[in-house]
């Protein structure tokens, strides 16, 4: 028996797929490799990716139609574009609130880009379909959250176009953006990013299993 235990905390800012693992027992080439994968979100995600239910894809008992990888990539591209636009629209050098929001948005953007890369890498592998089905609702949620905020910003800017303060609309936006609403938006960004990071960590665990399988042969 070969015992293996690994703990990982992702550094999304580095944009890599290295050093991951969580917990399960696998039997490979007459050897047992024990990897501690808990019942955490990452472990459950890895289960869904490696062993999707047969027939129509299901999540929480609900039938979900198969999603093409190209569809997921398109949604990610739109979401990334919205992140870039929001950062540009709300840019104010002197605002600590802006810097905090910019950091959160850029972090989400990195997770989205990594997810896009993963979809493309695994598209024509046995993992491709379950990965696309798993990721699609998560990136759709990101898209909807970002689109809602983007539309609010555009509407606010346009509502001030005919006023004397149209040139200062960013300052007015930040001064009028309720602190609780701003905090809620940052929480929504985190709620969008966390499931993507779980998928990325699960994929790293999958890659680790492949390397282990190669190593024991």
N, C-alpha and C. Protein backbone atom coordinates (compact mmCIF):
# COMPACT_ATOMS: atom_id res chain seq x y z
N UNK A 1 0.84 -1.19 0.00
CA UNK A 1 0.00 0.00 0.00
C UNK A 1 0.88 1.24 0.00
N UNK A 2 0.52 2.19 -0.82
CA UNK A 2 1.23 3.46 -0.86
C UNK A 2 0.31 4.52 -0.29
N UNK A 3 0.72 5.18 0.76
CA UNK A 3 -0.12 6.22 1.36
C UNK A 3 0.27 7.57 0.82
N UNK A 4 -0.70 8.35 0.42
CA UNK A 4 -0.41 9.67 -0.13
C UNK A 4 -1.42 10.65 0.42
N UNK A 5 -0.95 11.74 0.97
CA UNK A 5 -1.84 12.78 1.48
C UNK A 5 -1.31 14.11 1.00
N UNK A 6 -2.21 14.97 0.56
CA UNK A 6 -1.77 16.25 -0.01
C UNK A 6 -2.77 17.33 0.32
N UNK A 7 -2.27 18.49 0.72
CA UNK A 7 -3.12 19.63 1.01
C UNK A 7 -2.76 20.76 0.08
N UNK A 8 -3.76 21.49 -0.38
CA UNK A 8 -3.48 22.53 -1.36
C UNK A 8 -4.37 23.73 -1.14
N UNK A 9 -3.77 24.92 -1.23
CA UNK A 9 -4.51 26.17 -1.20
C UNK A 9 -4.17 26.91 -2.49
N UNK A 10 -5.14 27.10 -3.38
CA UNK A 10 -4.82 27.61 -4.72
C UNK A 10 -4.38 29.05 -4.70
N UNK A 11 -3.35 29.37 -5.50
CA UNK A 11 -2.95 30.75 -5.74
C UNK A 11 -3.34 31.08 -7.16
N UNK A 12 -4.58 31.54 -7.32
CA UNK A 12 -5.11 31.78 -8.66
C UNK A 12 -4.30 32.84 -9.38
N UNK A 13 -3.71 33.76 -8.64
CA UNK A 13 -2.98 34.86 -9.27
C UNK A 13 -1.80 34.35 -10.10
N UNK A 14 -1.32 33.12 -9.79
CA UNK A 14 -0.20 32.58 -10.54
C UNK A 14 -0.65 31.90 -11.83
N UNK A 15 -1.93 31.70 -11.98
CA UNK A 15 -2.50 31.12 -13.19
C UNK A 15 -1.82 29.81 -13.59
N UNK A 16 -1.69 28.87 -12.64
CA UNK A 16 -1.09 27.58 -12.94
C UNK A 16 -2.03 26.45 -12.53
N UNK A 17 -1.71 25.24 -13.00
CA UNK A 17 -2.48 24.06 -12.63
C UNK A 17 -1.59 23.08 -11.88
N UNK A 18 -0.82 23.55 -10.93
CA UNK A 18 0.15 22.69 -10.26
C UNK A 18 -0.25 22.36 -8.84
N UNK A 19 0.30 21.23 -8.33
CA UNK A 19 0.20 20.84 -6.93
C UNK A 19 -1.20 20.82 -6.37
N UNK A 20 -1.99 19.87 -6.81
CA UNK A 20 -3.33 19.79 -6.22
C UNK A 20 -3.62 18.39 -5.79
N UNK A 21 -4.57 18.27 -4.91
CA UNK A 21 -5.01 16.97 -4.53
C UNK A 21 -6.05 17.04 -3.45
N UNK A 22 -6.94 16.12 -3.40
CA UNK A 22 -7.88 15.94 -2.30
C UNK A 22 -8.15 14.46 -2.23
N UNK A 23 -9.05 13.91 -1.66
CA UNK A 23 -9.09 12.67 -0.93
C UNK A 23 -9.97 11.51 -1.39
N UNK A 24 -9.39 10.41 -1.75
CA UNK A 24 -10.12 9.22 -2.16
C UNK A 24 -9.19 8.04 -2.17
N UNK A 25 -9.73 6.84 -2.30
CA UNK A 25 -8.89 5.65 -2.43
C UNK A 25 -9.01 5.12 -3.86
N UNK A 26 -7.88 4.87 -4.52
CA UNK A 26 -7.87 4.36 -5.88
C UNK A 26 -7.02 3.10 -5.93
N UNK A 27 -7.40 2.17 -6.79
CA UNK A 27 -6.64 0.93 -6.96
C UNK A 27 -6.02 0.96 -8.35
N UNK A 28 -4.70 1.00 -8.40
CA UNK A 28 -4.00 1.15 -9.67
C UNK A 28 -2.92 0.09 -9.77
N UNK A 29 -2.99 -0.73 -10.81
CA UNK A 29 -1.96 -1.74 -11.10
C UNK A 29 -1.60 -2.56 -9.87
N UNK A 30 -2.65 -3.10 -9.20
CA UNK A 30 -2.48 -3.98 -8.05
C UNK A 30 -1.89 -3.27 -6.82
N UNK A 31 -1.87 -1.96 -6.85
CA UNK A 31 -1.43 -1.21 -5.69
C UNK A 31 -2.56 -0.28 -5.27
N UNK A 32 -2.67 -0.07 -3.99
CA UNK A 32 -3.69 0.83 -3.47
C UNK A 32 -3.06 2.17 -3.13
N UNK A 33 -3.56 3.22 -3.75
CA UNK A 33 -3.07 4.56 -3.45
C UNK A 33 -4.18 5.29 -2.72
N UNK A 34 -3.91 5.68 -1.51
CA UNK A 34 -4.93 6.37 -0.71
C UNK A 34 -4.67 7.86 -0.77
N UNK A 35 -5.64 8.58 -1.29
CA UNK A 35 -5.55 10.04 -1.35
C UNK A 35 -6.71 10.59 -0.55
N UNK A 36 -6.41 11.40 0.43
CA UNK A 36 -7.46 11.91 1.32
C UNK A 36 -8.28 12.98 0.62
N UNK A 37 -9.39 12.59 0.04
CA UNK A 37 -10.32 13.56 -0.54
C UNK A 37 -11.54 13.61 0.37
N UNK A 38 -11.74 14.74 1.00
CA UNK A 38 -12.83 14.88 1.95
C UNK A 38 -14.15 15.07 1.22
N UNK A 39 -15.20 15.28 1.99
CA UNK A 39 -16.52 15.54 1.41
C UNK A 39 -16.68 17.02 1.12
N UNK A 40 -15.57 17.71 0.97
CA UNK A 40 -15.62 19.14 0.66
C UNK A 40 -16.13 19.34 -0.75
N UNK A 41 -16.34 20.61 -1.12
CA UNK A 41 -16.82 20.90 -2.47
C UNK A 41 -15.88 20.37 -3.52
N UNK A 42 -14.57 20.46 -3.28
CA UNK A 42 -13.60 19.98 -4.27
C UNK A 42 -13.72 18.48 -4.47
N UNK A 43 -13.82 17.72 -3.37
CA UNK A 43 -13.96 16.28 -3.48
C UNK A 43 -15.21 15.87 -4.22
N UNK A 44 -16.32 16.51 -3.93
CA UNK A 44 -17.58 16.21 -4.60
C UNK A 44 -17.49 16.57 -6.08
N UNK A 45 -16.83 17.68 -6.39
CA UNK A 45 -16.68 18.09 -7.78
C UNK A 45 -15.85 17.08 -8.55
N UNK A 46 -14.79 16.57 -7.94
CA UNK A 46 -13.96 15.56 -8.59
C UNK A 46 -14.78 14.30 -8.87
N UNK A 47 -15.63 13.89 -7.91
CA UNK A 47 -16.51 12.75 -8.12
C UNK A 47 -17.38 12.96 -9.34
N UNK A 48 -18.00 14.14 -9.45
CA UNK A 48 -18.91 14.42 -10.57
C UNK A 48 -18.16 14.42 -11.90
N UNK A 49 -16.91 14.90 -11.89
CA UNK A 49 -16.15 14.96 -13.13
C UNK A 49 -15.70 13.58 -13.58
N UNK A 50 -15.27 12.74 -12.64
CA UNK A 50 -14.74 11.43 -13.00
C UNK A 50 -15.82 10.38 -13.21
N UNK A 51 -16.91 10.51 -12.46
CA UNK A 51 -17.97 9.50 -12.55
C UNK A 51 -19.33 10.16 -12.73
N UNK A 52 -19.57 10.82 -13.87
CA UNK A 52 -20.89 11.41 -14.11
C UNK A 52 -21.94 10.32 -14.24
N UNK A 53 -23.17 10.65 -13.90
CA UNK A 53 -24.24 9.66 -14.01
C UNK A 53 -24.46 9.30 -15.46
N UNK A 54 -24.88 8.07 -15.71
CA UNK A 54 -25.13 7.65 -17.08
C UNK A 54 -26.41 8.29 -17.59
N UNK A 55 -26.51 8.35 -18.92
CA UNK A 55 -27.70 8.95 -19.51
C UNK A 55 -27.63 10.47 -19.42
N UNK A 56 -28.79 11.14 -19.42
CA UNK A 56 -28.80 12.60 -19.33
C UNK A 56 -28.08 13.06 -18.07
N UNK A 57 -27.32 14.13 -18.19
CA UNK A 57 -26.55 14.64 -17.05
C UNK A 57 -27.49 15.18 -15.99
N UNK A 58 -27.19 14.90 -14.72
CA UNK A 58 -28.09 15.32 -13.65
C UNK A 58 -27.34 16.09 -12.60
N UNK A 59 -28.02 17.02 -11.95
CA UNK A 59 -27.49 17.76 -10.81
C UNK A 59 -28.63 17.96 -9.83
N UNK A 60 -28.48 17.42 -8.62
CA UNK A 60 -29.51 17.51 -7.60
C UNK A 60 -30.85 16.98 -8.10
N UNK A 61 -30.78 15.89 -8.89
CA UNK A 61 -32.00 15.26 -9.38
C UNK A 61 -32.65 15.94 -10.56
N UNK A 62 -32.04 17.01 -11.07
CA UNK A 62 -32.63 17.75 -12.18
C UNK A 62 -31.87 17.42 -13.46
N UNK A 63 -32.60 17.08 -14.52
CA UNK A 63 -31.97 16.78 -15.80
C UNK A 63 -31.40 18.05 -16.41
N UNK A 64 -30.16 17.97 -16.87
CA UNK A 64 -29.50 19.11 -17.49
C UNK A 64 -29.04 18.69 -18.88
N UNK A 65 -29.44 19.41 -19.93
CA UNK A 65 -29.01 19.03 -21.27
C UNK A 65 -27.49 19.18 -21.41
N UNK A 66 -26.93 18.36 -22.28
CA UNK A 66 -25.50 18.44 -22.51
C UNK A 66 -25.13 19.82 -23.05
N UNK A 67 -23.99 20.32 -22.57
CA UNK A 67 -23.54 21.64 -22.98
C UNK A 67 -22.26 21.51 -23.79
N UNK A 68 -22.19 22.17 -24.92
CA UNK A 68 -20.99 22.13 -25.74
C UNK A 68 -19.90 22.99 -25.12
N UNK A 69 -18.68 22.55 -25.25
CA UNK A 69 -17.55 23.30 -24.71
C UNK A 69 -17.47 24.70 -25.31
N UNK A 70 -17.80 24.82 -26.59
CA UNK A 70 -17.74 26.13 -27.24
C UNK A 70 -18.72 27.12 -26.61
N UNK A 71 -19.86 26.60 -26.12
CA UNK A 71 -20.83 27.46 -25.45
C UNK A 71 -20.25 28.01 -24.15
N UNK A 72 -19.60 27.14 -23.39
CA UNK A 72 -18.99 27.58 -22.13
C UNK A 72 -17.92 28.62 -22.40
N UNK A 73 -17.08 28.36 -23.41
CA UNK A 73 -16.00 29.30 -23.75
C UNK A 73 -16.58 30.66 -24.12
N UNK A 74 -17.68 30.66 -24.88
CA UNK A 74 -18.30 31.92 -25.28
C UNK A 74 -18.81 32.70 -24.07
N UNK A 75 -19.44 32.00 -23.13
CA UNK A 75 -19.94 32.67 -21.92
C UNK A 75 -18.78 33.23 -21.10
N UNK A 76 -17.70 32.46 -20.99
CA UNK A 76 -16.52 32.94 -20.26
C UNK A 76 -15.96 34.19 -20.91
N UNK A 77 -15.87 34.19 -22.23
CA UNK A 77 -15.33 35.35 -22.94
C UNK A 77 -16.18 36.60 -22.68
N UNK A 78 -17.49 36.42 -22.68
CA UNK A 78 -18.39 37.55 -22.40
C UNK A 78 -18.19 38.04 -20.98
N UNK A 79 -18.09 37.11 -20.03
CA UNK A 79 -17.91 37.48 -18.62
C UNK A 79 -16.59 38.22 -18.42
N UNK A 80 -15.52 37.73 -19.04
CA UNK A 80 -14.22 38.41 -18.94
C UNK A 80 -14.31 39.81 -19.53
N UNK A 81 -14.99 39.94 -20.65
CA UNK A 81 -15.18 41.26 -21.26
C UNK A 81 -15.91 42.21 -20.33
N UNK A 82 -16.91 41.70 -19.62
CA UNK A 82 -17.66 42.53 -18.68
C UNK A 82 -16.78 42.97 -17.51
N UNK A 83 -15.91 42.08 -17.04
CA UNK A 83 -14.98 42.44 -15.97
C UNK A 83 -14.11 43.62 -16.41
N UNK A 84 -13.55 43.50 -17.60
CA UNK A 84 -12.67 44.56 -18.13
C UNK A 84 -13.43 45.88 -18.25
N UNK A 85 -14.65 45.82 -18.74
CA UNK A 85 -15.45 47.05 -18.91
C UNK A 85 -15.79 47.68 -17.57
N UNK A 86 -16.16 46.86 -16.59
CA UNK A 86 -16.52 47.40 -15.27
C UNK A 86 -15.32 48.06 -14.62
N UNK A 87 -14.15 47.40 -14.71
CA UNK A 87 -12.93 47.98 -14.15
C UNK A 87 -12.64 49.33 -14.80
N UNK A 88 -12.78 49.40 -16.11
CA UNK A 88 -12.52 50.65 -16.84
C UNK A 88 -13.54 51.73 -16.48
N UNK A 89 -14.81 51.36 -16.42
CA UNK A 89 -15.86 52.34 -16.16
C UNK A 89 -15.73 52.97 -14.77
N UNK A 90 -15.39 52.17 -13.79
CA UNK A 90 -15.39 52.64 -12.40
C UNK A 90 -14.02 53.11 -11.92
N UNK A 91 -13.06 53.19 -12.82
CA UNK A 91 -11.68 53.51 -12.41
C UNK A 91 -11.57 54.90 -11.79
N UNK A 92 -11.12 54.91 -10.53
CA UNK A 92 -10.81 56.16 -9.81
C UNK A 92 -9.56 55.89 -8.98
N UNK A 93 -8.51 56.65 -9.24
CA UNK A 93 -7.22 56.39 -8.60
C UNK A 93 -7.26 56.48 -7.08
N UNK A 94 -7.98 57.48 -6.57
CA UNK A 94 -7.88 57.78 -5.14
C UNK A 94 -8.78 56.92 -4.26
N UNK A 95 -9.59 56.08 -4.84
CA UNK A 95 -10.59 55.36 -4.06
C UNK A 95 -10.08 54.00 -3.57
N UNK A 96 -10.03 53.82 -2.26
CA UNK A 96 -9.70 52.51 -1.69
C UNK A 96 -10.77 51.49 -2.04
N UNK A 97 -12.03 51.95 -2.06
CA UNK A 97 -13.12 51.05 -2.42
C UNK A 97 -12.93 50.50 -3.84
N UNK A 98 -12.49 51.39 -4.74
CA UNK A 98 -12.25 50.94 -6.11
C UNK A 98 -11.12 49.92 -6.16
N UNK A 99 -10.05 50.17 -5.44
CA UNK A 99 -8.92 49.24 -5.46
C UNK A 99 -9.32 47.86 -4.94
N UNK A 100 -10.14 47.84 -3.90
CA UNK A 100 -10.62 46.55 -3.37
C UNK A 100 -11.48 45.82 -4.39
N UNK A 101 -12.37 46.57 -5.02
CA UNK A 101 -13.25 45.97 -6.02
C UNK A 101 -12.45 45.52 -7.23
N UNK A 102 -11.49 46.31 -7.65
CA UNK A 102 -10.65 45.95 -8.78
C UNK A 102 -9.90 44.64 -8.50
N UNK A 103 -9.39 44.49 -7.28
CA UNK A 103 -8.69 43.27 -6.91
C UNK A 103 -9.62 42.06 -7.01
N UNK A 104 -10.86 42.21 -6.52
CA UNK A 104 -11.82 41.10 -6.57
C UNK A 104 -12.18 40.75 -8.01
N UNK A 105 -12.37 41.78 -8.82
CA UNK A 105 -12.75 41.56 -10.22
C UNK A 105 -11.61 40.89 -10.99
N UNK A 106 -10.39 41.33 -10.76
CA UNK A 106 -9.25 40.72 -11.45
C UNK A 106 -9.04 39.28 -11.01
N UNK A 107 -9.27 39.00 -9.75
CA UNK A 107 -9.15 37.63 -9.26
C UNK A 107 -10.18 36.72 -9.92
N UNK A 108 -11.43 37.21 -10.01
CA UNK A 108 -12.47 36.45 -10.70
C UNK A 108 -12.11 36.25 -12.16
N UNK A 109 -11.56 37.28 -12.77
CA UNK A 109 -11.18 37.20 -14.18
C UNK A 109 -10.13 36.12 -14.40
N UNK A 110 -9.16 36.01 -13.49
CA UNK A 110 -8.14 34.98 -13.61
C UNK A 110 -8.74 33.58 -13.50
N UNK A 111 -9.69 33.42 -12.58
CA UNK A 111 -10.35 32.12 -12.45
C UNK A 111 -11.14 31.78 -13.71
N UNK A 112 -11.78 32.77 -14.29
CA UNK A 112 -12.52 32.55 -15.53
C UNK A 112 -11.59 32.15 -16.67
N UNK A 113 -10.46 32.82 -16.77
CA UNK A 113 -9.51 32.52 -17.84
C UNK A 113 -8.94 31.11 -17.67
N UNK A 114 -8.62 30.74 -16.43
CA UNK A 114 -8.14 29.39 -16.17
C UNK A 114 -9.20 28.35 -16.52
N UNK A 115 -10.45 28.67 -16.19
CA UNK A 115 -11.56 27.75 -16.51
C UNK A 115 -11.69 27.60 -18.02
N UNK A 116 -11.57 28.69 -18.74
CA UNK A 116 -11.62 28.65 -20.20
C UNK A 116 -10.53 27.75 -20.75
N UNK A 117 -9.32 27.91 -20.23
CA UNK A 117 -8.20 27.08 -20.68
C UNK A 117 -8.46 25.60 -20.40
N UNK A 118 -9.00 25.31 -19.22
CA UNK A 118 -9.29 23.92 -18.85
C UNK A 118 -10.32 23.31 -19.79
N UNK A 119 -11.36 24.06 -20.10
CA UNK A 119 -12.39 23.57 -21.02
C UNK A 119 -11.77 23.21 -22.37
N UNK A 120 -10.89 24.06 -22.86
CA UNK A 120 -10.28 23.82 -24.16
C UNK A 120 -9.30 22.65 -24.11
N UNK A 121 -8.54 22.52 -23.02
CA UNK A 121 -7.57 21.43 -22.90
C UNK A 121 -8.27 20.07 -22.87
N UNK A 122 -9.40 19.98 -22.14
CA UNK A 122 -10.06 18.69 -21.94
C UNK A 122 -11.23 18.44 -22.90
N UNK A 123 -11.43 19.35 -23.85
CA UNK A 123 -12.62 19.27 -24.71
C UNK A 123 -12.76 17.92 -25.39
N UNK A 124 -11.69 17.36 -25.92
CA UNK A 124 -11.77 16.12 -26.70
C UNK A 124 -11.26 14.92 -25.90
N UNK A 125 -11.43 14.98 -24.59
CA UNK A 125 -11.07 13.87 -23.71
C UNK A 125 -12.35 13.32 -23.07
N UNK A 126 -12.27 12.13 -22.45
CA UNK A 126 -13.46 11.60 -21.77
C UNK A 126 -14.00 12.53 -20.67
N UNK A 127 -13.15 13.40 -20.18
CA UNK A 127 -13.56 14.33 -19.12
C UNK A 127 -14.30 15.55 -19.66
N UNK A 128 -14.16 15.79 -20.97
CA UNK A 128 -14.63 17.04 -21.56
C UNK A 128 -16.10 17.36 -21.34
N UNK A 129 -16.98 16.36 -21.58
CA UNK A 129 -18.41 16.62 -21.48
C UNK A 129 -18.85 16.91 -20.06
N UNK A 130 -18.40 16.10 -19.10
CA UNK A 130 -18.80 16.33 -17.72
C UNK A 130 -18.23 17.64 -17.20
N UNK A 131 -17.04 18.01 -17.68
CA UNK A 131 -16.46 19.29 -17.28
C UNK A 131 -17.30 20.45 -17.81
N UNK A 132 -17.70 20.37 -19.08
CA UNK A 132 -18.53 21.43 -19.67
C UNK A 132 -19.86 21.55 -18.93
N UNK A 133 -20.48 20.40 -18.63
CA UNK A 133 -21.77 20.43 -17.92
C UNK A 133 -21.62 20.98 -16.51
N UNK A 134 -20.50 20.67 -15.86
CA UNK A 134 -20.27 21.14 -14.50
C UNK A 134 -20.03 22.64 -14.46
N UNK A 135 -19.25 23.12 -15.41
CA UNK A 135 -18.82 24.52 -15.40
C UNK A 135 -19.88 25.48 -15.93
N UNK A 136 -20.69 25.02 -16.87
CA UNK A 136 -21.61 25.92 -17.56
C UNK A 136 -22.50 26.74 -16.62
N UNK A 137 -23.23 26.13 -15.67
CA UNK A 137 -24.08 26.95 -14.80
C UNK A 137 -23.27 27.91 -13.92
N UNK A 138 -22.02 27.56 -13.62
CA UNK A 138 -21.19 28.41 -12.78
C UNK A 138 -20.76 29.67 -13.53
N UNK A 139 -20.36 29.50 -14.78
CA UNK A 139 -19.95 30.68 -15.55
C UNK A 139 -21.16 31.51 -15.97
N UNK A 140 -22.30 30.86 -16.15
CA UNK A 140 -23.53 31.61 -16.45
C UNK A 140 -23.89 32.52 -15.28
N UNK A 141 -23.71 32.02 -14.06
CA UNK A 141 -23.98 32.83 -12.88
C UNK A 141 -23.05 34.04 -12.85
N UNK A 142 -21.77 33.81 -13.13
CA UNK A 142 -20.82 34.93 -13.19
C UNK A 142 -21.28 35.97 -14.21
N UNK A 143 -21.67 35.48 -15.36
CA UNK A 143 -22.12 36.37 -16.43
C UNK A 143 -23.31 37.22 -16.00
N UNK A 144 -24.28 36.61 -15.37
CA UNK A 144 -25.48 37.33 -14.97
C UNK A 144 -25.19 38.38 -13.90
N UNK A 145 -24.36 38.03 -12.92
CA UNK A 145 -24.00 38.97 -11.86
C UNK A 145 -23.26 40.17 -12.44
N UNK A 146 -22.31 39.90 -13.31
CA UNK A 146 -21.52 40.97 -13.92
C UNK A 146 -22.37 41.83 -14.85
N UNK A 147 -23.25 41.19 -15.63
CA UNK A 147 -24.10 41.93 -16.57
C UNK A 147 -25.05 42.86 -15.83
N UNK A 148 -25.61 42.38 -14.73
CA UNK A 148 -26.53 43.22 -13.96
C UNK A 148 -25.84 44.48 -13.45
N UNK A 149 -24.64 44.33 -12.93
CA UNK A 149 -23.90 45.49 -12.43
C UNK A 149 -23.46 46.40 -13.57
N UNK A 150 -23.01 45.81 -14.66
CA UNK A 150 -22.60 46.61 -15.82
C UNK A 150 -23.76 47.46 -16.33
N UNK A 151 -24.95 46.87 -16.43
CA UNK A 151 -26.12 47.61 -16.91
C UNK A 151 -26.50 48.74 -15.95
N UNK A 152 -26.34 48.50 -14.65
CA UNK A 152 -26.61 49.56 -13.67
C UNK A 152 -25.67 50.74 -13.86
N UNK A 153 -24.40 50.43 -14.07
CA UNK A 153 -23.40 51.48 -14.25
C UNK A 153 -23.70 52.30 -15.50
N UNK A 154 -23.98 51.61 -16.61
CA UNK A 154 -24.28 52.30 -17.87
C UNK A 154 -25.52 53.17 -17.73
N UNK A 155 -26.56 52.64 -17.10
CA UNK A 155 -27.79 53.41 -16.91
C UNK A 155 -27.52 54.65 -16.06
N UNK A 156 -26.71 54.49 -15.03
CA UNK A 156 -26.40 55.62 -14.15
C UNK A 156 -25.63 56.69 -14.91
N UNK A 157 -24.63 56.28 -15.69
CA UNK A 157 -23.85 57.25 -16.47
C UNK A 157 -24.73 57.98 -17.48
N UNK A 158 -25.59 57.24 -18.16
CA UNK A 158 -26.46 57.87 -19.16
C UNK A 158 -27.47 58.82 -18.52
N UNK A 159 -27.90 58.50 -17.30
CA UNK A 159 -28.87 59.38 -16.62
C UNK A 159 -28.27 60.73 -16.26
N UNK A 160 -26.93 60.80 -16.21
CA UNK A 160 -26.26 62.06 -15.87
C UNK A 160 -25.69 62.77 -17.09
N UNK A 161 -25.87 62.17 -18.27
CA UNK A 161 -25.29 62.75 -19.48
C UNK A 161 -25.74 64.18 -19.75
N UNK A 162 -26.99 64.48 -19.47
CA UNK A 162 -27.54 65.80 -19.79
C UNK A 162 -27.45 66.78 -18.62
N UNK A 163 -26.71 66.42 -17.60
CA UNK A 163 -26.57 67.29 -16.42
C UNK A 163 -25.20 67.96 -16.41
N UNK A 164 -25.05 68.94 -15.52
CA UNK A 164 -23.79 69.67 -15.43
C UNK A 164 -22.69 68.83 -14.78
N UNK A 165 -23.06 67.76 -14.14
CA UNK A 165 -22.07 66.94 -13.44
C UNK A 165 -21.75 65.66 -14.21
N UNK A 166 -22.09 65.66 -15.51
CA UNK A 166 -21.88 64.44 -16.30
C UNK A 166 -20.41 64.03 -16.32
N UNK A 167 -19.50 65.00 -16.27
CA UNK A 167 -18.09 64.70 -16.30
C UNK A 167 -17.56 64.11 -15.01
N UNK A 168 -18.39 64.17 -13.97
CA UNK A 168 -17.98 63.65 -12.66
C UNK A 168 -18.84 62.46 -12.23
N UNK A 169 -19.40 61.78 -13.22
CA UNK A 169 -20.36 60.73 -12.89
C UNK A 169 -19.73 59.61 -12.06
N UNK A 170 -18.43 59.31 -12.29
CA UNK A 170 -17.78 58.25 -11.51
C UNK A 170 -17.75 58.61 -10.02
N UNK A 171 -17.35 59.84 -9.73
CA UNK A 171 -17.31 60.27 -8.33
C UNK A 171 -18.69 60.23 -7.71
N UNK A 172 -19.69 60.65 -8.48
CA UNK A 172 -21.07 60.64 -7.99
C UNK A 172 -21.52 59.20 -7.74
N UNK A 173 -21.15 58.30 -8.66
CA UNK A 173 -21.50 56.88 -8.51
C UNK A 173 -20.93 56.33 -7.21
N UNK A 174 -19.64 56.53 -6.99
CA UNK A 174 -19.01 55.98 -5.80
C UNK A 174 -19.58 56.58 -4.52
N UNK A 175 -19.87 57.87 -4.55
CA UNK A 175 -20.43 58.52 -3.36
C UNK A 175 -21.85 58.08 -3.06
N UNK A 176 -22.56 57.66 -4.10
CA UNK A 176 -23.96 57.27 -3.92
C UNK A 176 -24.16 55.76 -3.80
N UNK A 177 -23.08 54.99 -4.11
CA UNK A 177 -23.20 53.53 -4.05
C UNK A 177 -23.20 53.10 -2.59
N UNK A 178 -24.35 52.61 -2.15
CA UNK A 178 -24.53 52.24 -0.75
C UNK A 178 -23.48 51.21 -0.32
N UNK A 179 -22.94 51.41 0.86
CA UNK A 179 -21.88 50.53 1.36
C UNK A 179 -22.34 49.08 1.45
N UNK A 180 -23.57 48.87 1.91
CA UNK A 180 -24.10 47.51 2.01
C UNK A 180 -24.28 46.87 0.64
N UNK A 181 -24.74 47.67 -0.32
CA UNK A 181 -24.92 47.15 -1.67
C UNK A 181 -23.56 46.81 -2.29
N UNK A 182 -22.57 47.64 -2.02
CA UNK A 182 -21.22 47.39 -2.52
C UNK A 182 -20.65 46.11 -1.91
N UNK A 183 -20.85 45.94 -0.62
CA UNK A 183 -20.38 44.73 0.05
C UNK A 183 -21.09 43.49 -0.49
N UNK A 184 -22.38 43.63 -0.79
CA UNK A 184 -23.14 42.51 -1.33
C UNK A 184 -22.60 42.11 -2.70
N UNK A 185 -22.24 43.10 -3.51
CA UNK A 185 -21.70 42.80 -4.83
C UNK A 185 -20.37 42.05 -4.71
N UNK A 186 -19.52 42.46 -3.79
CA UNK A 186 -18.25 41.76 -3.59
C UNK A 186 -18.49 40.33 -3.10
N UNK A 187 -19.51 40.14 -2.27
CA UNK A 187 -19.85 38.79 -1.82
C UNK A 187 -20.34 37.94 -2.99
N UNK A 188 -21.10 38.55 -3.89
CA UNK A 188 -21.58 37.83 -5.07
C UNK A 188 -20.42 37.43 -5.96
N UNK A 189 -19.43 38.31 -6.09
CA UNK A 189 -18.25 37.97 -6.88
C UNK A 189 -17.53 36.76 -6.29
N UNK A 190 -17.40 36.77 -4.97
CA UNK A 190 -16.75 35.64 -4.30
C UNK A 190 -17.55 34.37 -4.48
N UNK A 191 -18.88 34.48 -4.37
CA UNK A 191 -19.75 33.31 -4.54
C UNK A 191 -19.67 32.77 -5.97
N UNK A 192 -19.36 33.63 -6.93
CA UNK A 192 -19.17 33.19 -8.31
C UNK A 192 -17.82 32.50 -8.49
N UNK A 193 -16.80 33.03 -7.84
CA UNK A 193 -15.44 32.54 -8.05
C UNK A 193 -15.18 31.22 -7.33
N UNK A 194 -15.70 31.07 -6.13
CA UNK A 194 -15.39 29.89 -5.32
C UNK A 194 -15.70 28.57 -6.03
N UNK A 195 -16.88 28.43 -6.66
CA UNK A 195 -17.16 27.16 -7.37
C UNK A 195 -16.21 26.91 -8.53
N UNK A 196 -15.79 27.97 -9.21
CA UNK A 196 -14.82 27.80 -10.29
C UNK A 196 -13.49 27.29 -9.75
N UNK A 197 -13.07 27.85 -8.62
CA UNK A 197 -11.82 27.40 -8.01
C UNK A 197 -11.90 25.94 -7.57
N UNK A 198 -13.09 25.53 -7.11
CA UNK A 198 -13.27 24.12 -6.73
C UNK A 198 -13.09 23.20 -7.94
N UNK A 199 -13.61 23.62 -9.07
CA UNK A 199 -13.44 22.83 -10.29
C UNK A 199 -11.97 22.76 -10.68
N UNK A 200 -11.28 23.90 -10.60
CA UNK A 200 -9.86 23.94 -10.96
C UNK A 200 -9.04 23.04 -10.03
N UNK A 201 -9.36 23.07 -8.76
CA UNK A 201 -8.66 22.20 -7.81
C UNK A 201 -8.97 20.74 -8.08
N UNK A 202 -10.21 20.44 -8.44
CA UNK A 202 -10.59 19.06 -8.77
C UNK A 202 -9.82 18.58 -10.00
N UNK A 203 -9.65 19.46 -10.97
CA UNK A 203 -8.89 19.09 -12.17
C UNK A 203 -7.43 18.83 -11.82
N UNK A 204 -6.89 19.61 -10.91
CA UNK A 204 -5.52 19.38 -10.47
C UNK A 204 -5.41 18.01 -9.80
N UNK A 205 -6.43 17.64 -9.02
CA UNK A 205 -6.44 16.33 -8.39
C UNK A 205 -6.49 15.23 -9.46
N UNK A 206 -7.27 15.47 -10.50
CA UNK A 206 -7.38 14.52 -11.60
C UNK A 206 -6.02 14.33 -12.28
N UNK A 207 -5.32 15.44 -12.53
CA UNK A 207 -3.99 15.37 -13.15
C UNK A 207 -3.03 14.60 -12.24
N UNK A 208 -3.14 14.84 -10.94
CA UNK A 208 -2.30 14.14 -9.98
C UNK A 208 -2.53 12.62 -10.06
N UNK A 209 -3.79 12.22 -10.18
CA UNK A 209 -4.09 10.79 -10.29
C UNK A 209 -3.47 10.19 -11.55
N UNK A 210 -3.50 10.94 -12.64
CA UNK A 210 -2.88 10.46 -13.88
C UNK A 210 -1.39 10.25 -13.69
N UNK A 211 -0.75 11.24 -13.04
CA UNK A 211 0.70 11.11 -12.81
C UNK A 211 0.99 9.91 -11.91
N UNK A 212 0.16 9.70 -10.90
CA UNK A 212 0.36 8.57 -10.01
C UNK A 212 0.19 7.25 -10.77
N UNK A 213 -0.79 7.21 -11.65
CA UNK A 213 -1.03 5.99 -12.42
C UNK A 213 0.16 5.70 -13.33
N UNK A 214 0.71 6.75 -13.95
CA UNK A 214 1.89 6.57 -14.79
C UNK A 214 3.08 6.11 -13.95
N UNK A 215 3.19 6.66 -12.74
CA UNK A 215 4.34 6.37 -11.90
C UNK A 215 4.39 4.96 -11.39
N UNK A 216 3.20 4.34 -11.16
CA UNK A 216 3.20 2.99 -10.61
C UNK A 216 3.29 1.90 -11.67
N UNK A 217 3.17 2.30 -12.93
CA UNK A 217 3.28 1.29 -14.01
C UNK A 217 4.74 1.04 -14.33
